[in-house]
Amino acid sequence: MLNPLHPVYGFPLSLLLFIKALCVFCFQVGAEDRSEIVIDPDPPSSTFSPEESLSKIWVPNGFKLELVASEPMIEEPVCMAWGPNGELYVAEMRSYMQDIDMSGELEPVSRVVKLVDLDGDGRMDQATTYLDNLVLPRAILTLDNKVLIGEPPHLWLCEDTNGDGTADTKISIYENFSRKESGNVEHKINGLQWTMDNWIYNTKSSVIFRYRDQKIEERKAVFSGQWGQTVNDRGESIA
């Protein structure tokens, strides 16, 4: 008689029988006639207000979370960057997954907005379209009075030259910031995190940048992450 616990077989016989029974059950469930099931294409849903959402976020002791901006001041934000004077630049992916078929995803309807707190209470009061007619912008980095914006395949170097909050110049200083038409939106370069070694690190990429004289230098680095980049207390890049 075979020993069910012998190492040749790897698993107890009882476990193998359970797995077999589970597979049979799953097959039977999957084979059920579901032609009578009615799917509601527009099911009811509820959302939280910004204040309700705030109350449901846990933060460690000693920290406090405050609302800075919300709809309708911003729409569909995906990333942001603080400017040198406390202004906030926010990229809005307005065409991302508007329906299950991704209709109009490559339409140039996205933008970057500049938010300003006018009275110093920590809440943004004014929103200005800094740069519009974009296709899925995904990264922002402020450079003194200029702003670097990632919109595949470009890195745009933008500047507001007259102080009205809108970019007056837009120069492409890098043309390989992922491809525009192909690939999963979530699997394209993002990040633009400037770290203490004076290099700009990226996520979903094995390339890092250095900005000098309105030009981008690039260098190979370790491939990291998929989305999002930050720096810890020691100045190390985390992706």
C-alpha atoms as a PDB file:
ATOM      1  CA  MET A   1       0.000   0.000   0.000  1.00  0.00           C
ATOM      2  CA  LEU A   2       1.279   3.477  -0.888  1.00  0.00           C
ATOM      3  CA  ASN A   3       2.098   5.741   2.008  1.00  0.00           C
ATOM      4  CA  PRO A   4       0.232   9.065   1.381  1.00  0.00           C
ATOM      5  CA  LEU A   5       2.741  10.922   3.566  1.00  0.00           C
ATOM      6  CA  HIS A   6       5.793   9.627   1.685  1.00  0.00           C
ATOM      7  CA  PRO A   7       7.958  12.577   0.471  1.00  0.00           C
ATOM      8  CA  VAL A   8       7.655  11.310  -3.094  1.00  0.00           C
ATOM      9  CA  TYR A   9       4.015  12.353  -3.103  1.00  0.00           C
ATOM     10  CA  GLY A  10       4.620  15.671  -1.365  1.00  0.00           C
ATOM     11  CA  PHE A  11       1.113  16.177   0.111  1.00  0.00           C
ATOM     12  CA  PRO A  12      -1.118  14.174   2.446  1.00  0.00           C
ATOM     13  CA  LEU A  13      -3.729  12.169   0.530  1.00  0.00           C
ATOM     14  CA  SER A  14      -6.543  13.979   2.345  1.00  0.00           C
ATOM     15  CA  LEU A  15      -5.286  17.337   1.047  1.00  0.00           C
ATOM     16  CA  LEU A  16      -5.107  16.048  -2.517  1.00  0.00           C
ATOM     17  CA  LEU A  17      -8.677  14.747  -2.274  1.00  0.00           C
ATOM     18  CA  PHE A  18      -9.831  18.132  -0.951  1.00  0.00           C
ATOM     19  CA  ILE A  19      -8.174  19.961  -3.848  1.00  0.00           C
ATOM     20  CA  LYS A  20      -9.801  17.583  -6.333  1.00  0.00           C
ATOM     21  CA  ALA A  21     -13.232  18.124  -4.777  1.00  0.00           C
ATOM     22  CA  LEU A  22     -12.721  21.886  -4.846  1.00  0.00           C
ATOM     23  CA  CYS A  23     -11.801  21.799  -8.544  1.00  0.00           C
ATOM     24  CA  VAL A  24     -14.916  19.758  -9.356  1.00  0.00           C
ATOM     25  CA  PHE A  25     -17.075  22.218  -7.394  1.00  0.00           C
ATOM     26  CA  CYS A  26     -15.573  25.225  -9.169  1.00  0.00           C
ATOM     27  CA  PHE A  27     -16.114  23.581 -12.544  1.00  0.00           C
ATOM     28  CA  GLN A  28     -19.757  22.901 -11.737  1.00  0.00           C
ATOM     29  CA  VAL A  29     -20.318  26.466 -10.558  1.00  0.00           C
ATOM     30  CA  GLY A  30     -18.644  27.831 -13.675  1.00  0.00           C
ATOM     31  CA  ALA A  31     -20.827  25.635 -15.873  1.00  0.00           C
ATOM     32  CA  GLU A  32     -24.108  27.007 -14.508  1.00  0.00           C
ATOM     33  CA  ASP A  33     -26.533  28.630 -16.928  1.00  0.00           C
ATOM     34  CA  ARG A  34     -26.245  32.356 -16.340  1.00  0.00           C
ATOM     35  CA  SER A  35     -28.289  33.519 -19.288  1.00  0.00           C
ATOM     36  CA  GLU A  36     -31.016  34.797 -16.955  1.00  0.00           C
ATOM     37  CA  ILE A  37     -28.668  37.046 -14.983  1.00  0.00           C
ATOM     38  CA  VAL A  38     -29.416  40.712 -15.628  1.00  0.00           C
ATOM     39  CA  ILE A  39     -26.513  43.148 -15.348  1.00  0.00           C
ATOM     40  CA  ASP A  40     -27.294  46.763 -14.599  1.00  0.00           C
ATOM     41  CA  PRO A  41     -24.973  48.836 -16.848  1.00  0.00           C
ATOM     42  CA  ASP A  42     -25.410  51.855 -14.585  1.00  0.00           C
ATOM     43  CA  PRO A  43     -25.632  50.560 -10.999  1.00  0.00           C
ATOM     44  CA  PRO A  44     -26.329  53.015  -8.185  1.00  0.00           C
ATOM     45  CA  SER A  45     -23.263  54.274  -6.391  1.00  0.00           C
ATOM     46  CA  SER A  46     -22.506  56.702  -3.625  1.00  0.00           C
ATOM     47  CA  THR A  47     -19.490  58.895  -3.033  1.00  0.00           C
ATOM     48  CA  PHE A  48     -18.119  60.706  -0.025  1.00  0.00           C
ATOM     49  CA  SER A  49     -17.743  64.435   0.195  1.00  0.00           C
ATOM     50  CA  PRO A  50     -14.159  65.709   0.589  1.00  0.00           C
ATOM     51  CA  GLU A  51     -14.811  66.236   4.294  1.00  0.00           C
ATOM     52  CA  GLU A  52     -16.231  62.720   4.708  1.00  0.00           C
ATOM     53  CA  SER A  53     -13.253  61.252   2.860  1.00  0.00           C
ATOM     54  CA  LEU A  54     -10.903  63.168   5.139  1.00  0.00           C
ATOM     55  CA  SER A  55     -12.514  61.656   8.231  1.00  0.00           C
ATOM     56  CA  LYS A  56     -11.916  58.123   6.950  1.00  0.00           C
ATOM     57  CA  ILE A  57      -8.153  58.453   6.458  1.00  0.00           C
ATOM     58  CA  TRP A  58      -5.958  57.242   9.323  1.00  0.00           C
ATOM     59  CA  VAL A  59      -2.731  59.081  10.134  1.00  0.00           C
ATOM     60  CA  PRO A  60      -0.155  58.316  12.866  1.00  0.00           C
ATOM     61  CA  ASN A  61      -0.191  60.177  16.165  1.00  0.00           C
ATOM     62  CA  GLY A  62       1.326  63.621  15.877  1.00  0.00           C
ATOM     63  CA  PHE A  63       0.179  64.127  12.293  1.00  0.00           C
ATOM     64  CA  LYS A  64      -2.804  66.055  11.002  1.00  0.00           C
ATOM     65  CA  LEU A  65      -4.488  65.829   7.612  1.00  0.00           C
ATOM     66  CA  GLU A  66      -6.099  68.922   6.095  1.00  0.00           C
ATOM     67  CA  LEU A  67      -7.989  69.476   2.869  1.00  0.00           C
ATOM     68  CA  VAL A  68      -6.082  71.720   0.470  1.00  0.00           C
ATOM     69  CA  ALA A  69      -8.168  71.467  -2.710  1.00  0.00           C
ATOM     70  CA  SER A  70     -11.023  69.417  -4.142  1.00  0.00           C
ATOM     71  CA  GLU A  71     -13.563  69.349  -6.950  1.00  0.00           C
ATOM     72  CA  PRO A  72     -14.614  71.490  -8.754  1.00  0.00           C
ATOM     73  CA  MET A  73     -11.344  73.399  -8.362  1.00  0.00           C
ATOM     74  CA  ILE A  74      -9.497  70.339  -9.670  1.00  0.00           C
ATOM     75  CA  GLU A  75     -10.685  67.379 -11.736  1.00  0.00           C
ATOM     76  CA  GLU A  76      -9.180  63.885 -11.879  1.00  0.00           C
ATOM     77  CA  PRO A  77      -5.766  64.730 -10.376  1.00  0.00           C
ATOM     78  CA  VAL A  78      -2.940  62.183 -10.704  1.00  0.00           C
ATOM     79  CA  CYS A  79       0.177  63.970  -9.431  1.00  0.00           C
ATOM     80  CA  MET A  80       1.308  67.302  -8.027  1.00  0.00           C
ATOM     81  CA  ALA A  81       4.365  69.386  -7.204  1.00  0.00           C
ATOM     82  CA  TRP A  82       4.865  72.336  -4.867  1.00  0.00           C
ATOM     83  CA  GLY A  83       6.341  75.523  -6.271  1.00  0.00           C
ATOM     84  CA  PRO A  84       8.925  77.727  -4.520  1.00  0.00           C
ATOM     85  CA  ASN A  85       6.283  80.195  -3.267  1.00  0.00           C
ATOM     86  CA  GLY A  86       3.757  77.688  -1.933  1.00  0.00           C
ATOM     87  CA  GLU A  87       1.801  77.323  -5.160  1.00  0.00           C
ATOM     88  CA  LEU A  88       0.669  73.837  -6.139  1.00  0.00           C
ATOM     89  CA  TYR A  89       0.842  72.423  -9.664  1.00  0.00           C
ATOM     90  CA  VAL A  90      -1.565  69.548 -10.325  1.00  0.00           C
ATOM     91  CA  ALA A  91      -1.752  67.293 -13.391  1.00  0.00           C
ATOM     92  CA  GLU A  92      -5.261  66.249 -14.401  1.00  0.00           C
ATOM     93  CA  MET A  93      -5.820  63.138 -16.545  1.00  0.00           C
ATOM     94  CA  ARG A  94      -9.234  64.166 -17.813  1.00  0.00           C
ATOM     95  CA  SER A  95      -9.430  61.504 -20.529  1.00  0.00           C
ATOM     96  CA  TYR A  96      -8.326  58.486 -18.502  1.00  0.00           C
ATOM     97  CA  MET A  97     -10.865  55.606 -18.422  1.00  0.00           C
ATOM     98  CA  GLN A  98     -14.003  57.627 -19.009  1.00  0.00           C
ATOM     99  CA  ASP A  99     -15.694  54.344 -19.920  1.00  0.00           C
ATOM    100  CA  ILE A 100     -14.830  50.652 -20.132  1.00  0.00           C
ATOM    101  CA  ASP A 101     -13.715  51.048 -23.759  1.00  0.00           C
ATOM    102  CA  MET A 102     -11.268  53.885 -22.957  1.00  0.00           C
ATOM    103  CA  SER A 103     -13.112  56.114 -25.414  1.00  0.00           C
ATOM    104  CA  GLY A 104     -11.263  59.316 -26.246  1.00  0.00           C
ATOM    105  CA  GLU A 105      -8.307  58.465 -24.030  1.00  0.00           C
ATOM    106  CA  LEU A 106      -5.795  60.058 -26.397  1.00  0.00           C
ATOM    107  CA  GLU A 107      -7.775  63.254 -26.854  1.00  0.00           C
ATOM    108  CA  PRO A 108      -5.853  66.412 -25.813  1.00  0.00           C
ATOM    109  CA  VAL A 109      -8.244  67.439 -23.040  1.00  0.00           C
ATOM    110  CA  SER A 110      -6.001  67.051 -19.986  1.00  0.00           C
ATOM    111  CA  ARG A 111      -4.118  69.873 -18.320  1.00  0.00           C
ATOM    112  CA  VAL A 112      -1.920  71.144 -15.503  1.00  0.00           C
ATOM    113  CA  VAL A 113      -3.459  73.674 -13.122  1.00  0.00           C
ATOM    114  CA  LYS A 114      -1.746  76.077 -10.750  1.00  0.00           C
ATOM    115  CA  LEU A 115      -3.387  76.478  -7.337  1.00  0.00           C
ATOM    116  CA  VAL A 116      -2.715  79.433  -5.046  1.00  0.00           C
ATOM    117  CA  ASP A 117      -3.627  80.113  -1.412  1.00  0.00           C
ATOM    118  CA  LEU A 118      -4.450  83.831  -1.365  1.00  0.00           C
ATOM    119  CA  ASP A 119      -5.178  84.340   2.342  1.00  0.00           C
ATOM    120  CA  GLY A 120      -2.641  82.028   3.978  1.00  0.00           C
ATOM    121  CA  ASP A 121      -5.161  79.681   5.607  1.00  0.00           C
ATOM    122  CA  GLY A 122      -3.701  76.560   3.968  1.00  0.00           C
ATOM    123  CA  ARG A 123      -6.651  76.125   1.603  1.00  0.00           C
ATOM    124  CA  MET A 124      -6.270  76.881  -2.093  1.00  0.00           C
ATOM    125  CA  ASP A 125      -8.426  79.779  -3.283  1.00  0.00           C
ATOM    126  CA  GLN A 126      -7.497  80.248  -6.933  1.00  0.00           C
ATOM    127  CA  ALA A 127      -7.018  77.820  -9.814  1.00  0.00           C
ATOM    128  CA  THR A 128      -5.426  78.832 -13.110  1.00  0.00           C
ATOM    129  CA  THR A 129      -4.878  76.626 -16.131  1.00  0.00           C
ATOM    130  CA  TYR A 130      -1.100  76.561 -16.361  1.00  0.00           C
ATOM    131  CA  LEU A 131      -0.871  74.319 -19.441  1.00  0.00           C
ATOM    132  CA  ASP A 132      -3.739  72.714 -21.348  1.00  0.00           C
ATOM    133  CA  ASN A 133      -4.455  70.618 -24.449  1.00  0.00           C
ATOM    134  CA  LEU A 134      -2.377  67.766 -23.047  1.00  0.00           C
ATOM    135  CA  VAL A 135      -2.679  64.002 -23.507  1.00  0.00           C
ATOM    136  CA  LEU A 136      -2.450  62.163 -20.184  1.00  0.00           C
ATOM    137  CA  PRO A 137       0.199  64.276 -18.383  1.00  0.00           C
ATOM    138  CA  ARG A 138       1.829  62.203 -15.668  1.00  0.00           C
ATOM    139  CA  ALA A 139       4.725  63.975 -13.959  1.00  0.00           C
ATOM    140  CA  ILE A 140       5.601  67.463 -12.682  1.00  0.00           C
ATOM    141  CA  LEU A 141       8.742  69.005 -11.231  1.00  0.00           C
ATOM    142  CA  THR A 142       9.216  72.682 -10.389  1.00  0.00           C
ATOM    143  CA  LEU A 143      12.564  74.241 -11.291  1.00  0.00           C
ATOM    144  CA  ASP A 144      12.730  77.686  -9.700  1.00  0.00           C
ATOM    145  CA  ASN A 145      10.520  79.768 -12.012  1.00  0.00           C
ATOM    146  CA  LYS A 146      10.097  76.957 -14.545  1.00  0.00           C
ATOM    147  CA  VAL A 147       8.042  73.766 -14.502  1.00  0.00           C
ATOM    148  CA  LEU A 148       8.994  70.414 -16.014  1.00  0.00           C
ATOM    149  CA  ILE A 149       5.938  68.473 -17.223  1.00  0.00           C
ATOM    150  CA  GLY A 150       5.945  64.884 -18.462  1.00  0.00           C
ATOM    151  CA  GLU A 151       3.533  64.191 -21.312  1.00  0.00           C
ATOM    152  CA  PRO A 152       4.650  61.150 -23.346  1.00  0.00           C
ATOM    153  CA  PRO A 153       6.790  61.256 -25.340  1.00  0.00           C
ATOM    154  CA  HIS A 154       7.883  64.731 -24.194  1.00  0.00           C
ATOM    155  CA  LEU A 155       9.336  66.414 -21.189  1.00  0.00           C
ATOM    156  CA  TRP A 156       8.171  70.009 -21.531  1.00  0.00           C
ATOM    157  CA  LEU A 157      10.093  72.874 -19.948  1.00  0.00           C
ATOM    158  CA  CYS A 158       7.498  75.574 -19.308  1.00  0.00           C
ATOM    159  CA  GLU A 159       7.630  79.089 -17.927  1.00  0.00           C
ATOM    160  CA  ASP A 160       5.131  81.786 -17.015  1.00  0.00           C
ATOM    161  CA  THR A 161       6.950  84.911 -18.166  1.00  0.00           C
ATOM    162  CA  ASN A 162       4.327  87.553 -17.286  1.00  0.00           C
ATOM    163  CA  GLY A 163       3.029  86.302 -13.932  1.00  0.00           C
ATOM    164  CA  ASP A 164      -0.556  85.531 -14.964  1.00  0.00           C
ATOM    165  CA  GLY A 165      -0.317  81.885 -13.851  1.00  0.00           C
ATOM    166  CA  THR A 166      -0.307  80.442 -17.381  1.00  0.00           C
ATOM    167  CA  ALA A 167       2.737  79.042 -19.167  1.00  0.00           C
ATOM    168  CA  ASP A 168       3.890  81.313 -21.986  1.00  0.00           C
ATOM    169  CA  THR A 169       6.741  79.106 -23.202  1.00  0.00           C
ATOM    170  CA  LYS A 170       6.742  75.347 -23.780  1.00  0.00           C
ATOM    171  CA  ILE A 171       9.960  73.696 -24.966  1.00  0.00           C
ATOM    172  CA  SER A 172      10.490  69.965 -25.461  1.00  0.00           C
ATOM    173  CA  ILE A 173      13.838  69.111 -23.868  1.00  0.00           C
ATOM    174  CA  TYR A 174      13.446  65.303 -23.966  1.00  0.00           C
ATOM    175  CA  GLU A 175      11.517  63.187 -26.487  1.00  0.00           C
ATOM    176  CA  ASN A 176      11.717  59.674 -25.048  1.00  0.00           C
ATOM    177  CA  PHE A 177       9.518  59.992 -21.973  1.00  0.00           C
ATOM    178  CA  SER A 178       7.556  56.829 -22.919  1.00  0.00           C
ATOM    179  CA  ARG A 179       5.547  56.464 -26.101  1.00  0.00           C
ATOM    180  CA  LYS A 180       2.266  58.300 -26.551  1.00  0.00           C
ATOM    181  CA  GLU A 181       0.104  55.887 -28.552  1.00  0.00           C
ATOM    182  CA  SER A 182       1.129  52.463 -27.257  1.00  0.00           C
ATOM    183  CA  GLY A 183       1.299  50.615 -23.980  1.00  0.00           C
ATOM    184  CA  ASN A 184      -0.680  50.606 -20.767  1.00  0.00           C
ATOM    185  CA  VAL A 185      -1.157  54.067 -19.278  1.00  0.00           C
ATOM    186  CA  GLU A 186      -0.103  52.748 -15.863  1.00  0.00           C
ATOM    187  CA  HIS A 187       3.117  51.326 -17.322  1.00  0.00           C
ATOM    188  CA  LYS A 188       4.743  54.515 -18.552  1.00  0.00           C
ATOM    189  CA  ILE A 189       7.460  56.668 -17.015  1.00  0.00           C
ATOM    190  CA  ASN A 190       6.467  58.927 -14.138  1.00  0.00           C
ATOM    191  CA  GLY A 191       8.017  60.378 -11.016  1.00  0.00           C
ATOM    192  CA  LEU A 192      10.453  63.243 -11.637  1.00  0.00           C
ATOM    193  CA  GLN A 193      11.731  63.143  -8.050  1.00  0.00           C
ATOM    194  CA  TRP A 194      14.737  65.411  -7.500  1.00  0.00           C
ATOM    195  CA  THR A 195      17.020  63.939  -4.833  1.00  0.00           C
ATOM    196  CA  MET A 196      20.051  65.050  -2.844  1.00  0.00           C
ATOM    197  CA  ASP A 197      22.543  63.661  -5.393  1.00  0.00           C
ATOM    198  CA  ASN A 198      21.183  66.233  -7.883  1.00  0.00           C
ATOM    199  CA  TRP A 199      19.660  63.569 -10.133  1.00  0.00           C
ATOM    200  CA  ILE A 200      15.980  63.324 -11.035  1.00  0.00           C
ATOM    201  CA  TYR A 201      14.643  59.814 -10.444  1.00  0.00           C
ATOM    202  CA  ASN A 202      11.766  58.150 -12.271  1.00  0.00           C
ATOM    203  CA  THR A 203       9.397  55.260 -11.729  1.00  0.00           C
ATOM    204  CA  LYS A 204       8.704  52.561 -14.323  1.00  0.00           C
ATOM    205  CA  SER A 205      12.052  53.425 -15.839  1.00  0.00           C
ATOM    206  CA  SER A 206      15.744  52.582 -15.734  1.00  0.00           C
ATOM    207  CA  VAL A 207      16.782  56.137 -16.647  1.00  0.00           C
ATOM    208  CA  ILE A 208      17.448  59.095 -14.360  1.00  0.00           C
ATOM    209  CA  PHE A 209      17.913  62.719 -15.412  1.00  0.00           C
ATOM    210  CA  ARG A 210      19.999  65.740 -14.569  1.00  0.00           C
ATOM    211  CA  TYR A 211      18.840  69.217 -15.564  1.00  0.00           C
ATOM    212  CA  ARG A 212      21.532  71.656 -16.661  1.00  0.00           C
ATOM    213  CA  ASP A 213      21.322  74.779 -18.794  1.00  0.00           C
ATOM    214  CA  GLN A 214      17.795  73.963 -19.972  1.00  0.00           C
ATOM    215  CA  LYS A 215      18.924  70.526 -21.136  1.00  0.00           C
ATOM    216  CA  ILE A 216      18.390  67.011 -19.834  1.00  0.00           C
ATOM    217  CA  GLU A 217      21.260  64.611 -19.253  1.00  0.00           C
ATOM    218  CA  GLU A 218      20.350  60.960 -18.793  1.00  0.00           C
ATOM    219  CA  ARG A 219      22.018  58.027 -17.085  1.00  0.00           C
ATOM    220  CA  LYS A 220      21.140  54.375 -16.647  1.00  0.00           C
ATOM    221  CA  ALA A 221      19.959  53.335 -13.199  1.00  0.00           C
ATOM    222  CA  VAL A 222      18.133  50.493 -11.481  1.00  0.00           C
ATOM    223  CA  PHE A 223      14.636  49.903 -12.866  1.00  0.00           C
ATOM    224  CA  SER A 224      12.096  50.754 -10.184  1.00  0.00           C
ATOM    225  CA  GLY A 225       8.417  50.615  -9.364  1.00  0.00           C
ATOM    226  CA  GLN A 226       5.317  51.274 -11.408  1.00  0.00           C
ATOM    227  CA  TRP A 227       3.748  54.462 -10.121  1.00  0.00           C
ATOM    228  CA  GLY A 228       4.773  57.048  -7.564  1.00  0.00           C
ATOM    229  CA  GLN A 229       8.064  58.317  -6.187  1.00  0.00           C
ATOM    230  CA  THR A 230       9.138  59.960  -2.951  1.00  0.00           C
ATOM    231  CA  VAL A 231      12.161  60.614  -0.744  1.00  0.00           C
ATOM    232  CA  ASN A 232      12.649  59.404   2.830  1.00  0.00           C
ATOM    233  CA  ASP A 233      14.203  61.321   5.736  1.00  0.00           C
ATOM    234  CA  ARG A 234      17.689  60.248   4.647  1.00  0.00           C
ATOM    235  CA  GLY A 235      17.192  61.654   1.153  1.00  0.00           C
ATOM    236  CA  GLU A 236      16.934  58.247  -0.482  1.00  0.00           C
ATOM    237  CA  SER A 237      14.655  57.795  -3.477  1.00  0.00           C
ATOM    238  CA  ILE A 238      11.738  55.438  -2.788  1.00  0.00           C
ATOM    239  CA  ALA A 239       9.651  54.004  -5.645  1.00  0.00           C
END
